[in-house]
Amino acid sequence: MYKYTIYVTYKGKVYQTNVLADKNQPEDEVYRIAKEQVEKQWAN
Protein backbone atom coordinates (compact mmCIF):
# COMPACT_ATOMS: atom_id res chain seq x y z
CA MET A 1 0.00 0.00 0.00
CA TYR A 2 1.14 3.51 -0.81
CA LYS A 3 0.08 6.82 0.68
CA TYR A 4 -0.77 9.43 -1.94
CA THR A 5 -1.31 13.09 -1.12
CA ILE A 6 -3.91 14.43 -3.55
CA TYR A 7 -5.28 17.93 -4.07
CA VAL A 8 -8.96 18.02 -5.00
CA THR A 9 -10.97 21.02 -6.18
CA TYR A 10 -14.42 20.97 -4.60
CA LYS A 11 -16.94 23.81 -4.77
CA GLY A 12 -14.28 26.29 -5.88
CA LYS A 13 -11.76 25.46 -3.14
CA VAL A 14 -8.72 23.19 -3.15
CA TYR A 15 -8.50 20.50 -0.47
CA GLN A 16 -5.64 18.18 0.38
CA THR A 17 -6.42 14.57 1.22
CA ASN A 18 -4.44 11.37 1.67
CA VAL A 19 -5.34 8.14 -0.08
CA LEU A 20 -4.05 4.68 0.77
CA ALA A 21 -4.02 2.56 -2.37
CA ASP A 22 -2.25 -0.34 -3.98
CA LYS A 23 0.74 0.74 -6.07
CA ASN A 24 -0.78 -0.96 -9.14
CA GLN A 25 -4.08 0.91 -8.84
CA PRO A 26 -4.79 3.19 -11.83
CA GLU A 27 -4.20 6.91 -11.29
CA ASP A 28 -7.79 7.85 -12.16
CA GLU A 29 -9.07 5.44 -9.50
CA VAL A 30 -6.85 7.09 -6.85
CA TYR A 31 -8.23 10.51 -7.82
CA ARG A 32 -11.80 9.18 -7.68
CA ILE A 33 -11.24 7.89 -4.15
CA ALA A 34 -9.75 11.25 -3.11
CA LYS A 35 -12.73 13.16 -4.50
CA GLU A 36 -15.18 10.85 -2.72
CA GLN A 37 -13.34 11.40 0.57
CA VAL A 38 -13.59 15.17 0.27
CA GLU A 39 -17.27 15.00 -0.70
CA LYS A 40 -18.07 12.73 2.27
CA GLN A 41 -16.25 15.06 4.65
CA TRP A 42 -18.29 18.08 3.54
CA ALA A 43 -21.60 16.18 3.43
CA ASN A 44 -21.59 15.82 7.24
C-alpha atoms as a PDB file:
ATOM      1  CA  MET A   1       0.000   0.000   0.000  1.00  0.00           C
ATOM      2  CA  TYR A   2       1.143   3.509  -0.810  1.00  0.00           C
ATOM      3  CA  LYS A   3       0.076   6.819   0.679  1.00  0.00           C
ATOM      4  CA  TYR A   4      -0.771   9.425  -1.940  1.00  0.00           C
ATOM      5  CA  THR A   5      -1.306  13.086  -1.122  1.00  0.00           C
ATOM      6  CA  ILE A   6      -3.905  14.429  -3.548  1.00  0.00           C
ATOM      7  CA  TYR A   7      -5.281  17.935  -4.066  1.00  0.00           C
ATOM      8  CA  VAL A   8      -8.961  18.022  -5.002  1.00  0.00           C
ATOM      9  CA  THR A   9     -10.973  21.023  -6.176  1.00  0.00           C
ATOM     10  CA  TYR A  10     -14.418  20.974  -4.600  1.00  0.00           C
ATOM     11  CA  LYS A  11     -16.939  23.811  -4.767  1.00  0.00           C
ATOM     12  CA  GLY A  12     -14.277  26.286  -5.881  1.00  0.00           C
ATOM     13  CA  LYS A  13     -11.756  25.456  -3.143  1.00  0.00           C
ATOM     14  CA  VAL A  14      -8.724  23.190  -3.148  1.00  0.00           C
ATOM     15  CA  TYR A  15      -8.500  20.499  -0.473  1.00  0.00           C
ATOM     16  CA  GLN A  16      -5.640  18.185   0.383  1.00  0.00           C
ATOM     17  CA  THR A  17      -6.416  14.568   1.221  1.00  0.00           C
ATOM     18  CA  ASN A  18      -4.439  11.369   1.673  1.00  0.00           C
ATOM     19  CA  VAL A  19      -5.341   8.142  -0.079  1.00  0.00           C
ATOM     20  CA  LEU A  20      -4.046   4.681   0.774  1.00  0.00           C
ATOM     21  CA  ALA A  21      -4.016   2.565  -2.369  1.00  0.00           C
ATOM     22  CA  ASP A  22      -2.247  -0.337  -3.978  1.00  0.00           C
ATOM     23  CA  LYS A  23       0.740   0.739  -6.069  1.00  0.00           C
ATOM     24  CA  ASN A  24      -0.779  -0.963  -9.136  1.00  0.00           C
ATOM     25  CA  GLN A  25      -4.079   0.905  -8.845  1.00  0.00           C
ATOM     26  CA  PRO A  26      -4.789   3.192 -11.828  1.00  0.00           C
ATOM     27  CA  GLU A  27      -4.203   6.909 -11.293  1.00  0.00           C
ATOM     28  CA  ASP A  28      -7.792   7.849 -12.161  1.00  0.00           C
ATOM     29  CA  GLU A  29      -9.070   5.440  -9.496  1.00  0.00           C
ATOM     30  CA  VAL A  30      -6.853   7.086  -6.846  1.00  0.00           C
ATOM     31  CA  TYR A  31      -8.230  10.513  -7.817  1.00  0.00           C
ATOM     32  CA  ARG A  32     -11.800   9.179  -7.681  1.00  0.00           C
ATOM     33  CA  ILE A  33     -11.238   7.895  -4.147  1.00  0.00           C
ATOM     34  CA  ALA A  34      -9.748  11.249  -3.111  1.00  0.00           C
ATOM     35  CA  LYS A  35     -12.725  13.164  -4.500  1.00  0.00           C
ATOM     36  CA  GLU A  36     -15.179  10.852  -2.720  1.00  0.00           C
ATOM     37  CA  GLN A  37     -13.339  11.399   0.573  1.00  0.00           C
ATOM     38  CA  VAL A  38     -13.592  15.171   0.267  1.00  0.00           C
ATOM     39  CA  GLU A  39     -17.272  14.997  -0.701  1.00  0.00           C
ATOM     40  CA  LYS A  40     -18.065  12.734   2.267  1.00  0.00           C
ATOM     41  CA  GLN A  41     -16.246  15.061   4.653  1.00  0.00           C
ATOM     42  CA  TRP A  42     -18.290  18.078   3.540  1.00  0.00           C
ATOM     43  CA  ALA A  43     -21.598  16.177   3.427  1.00  0.00           C
ATOM     44  CA  ASN A  44     -21.586  15.817   7.235  1.00  0.00           C
END
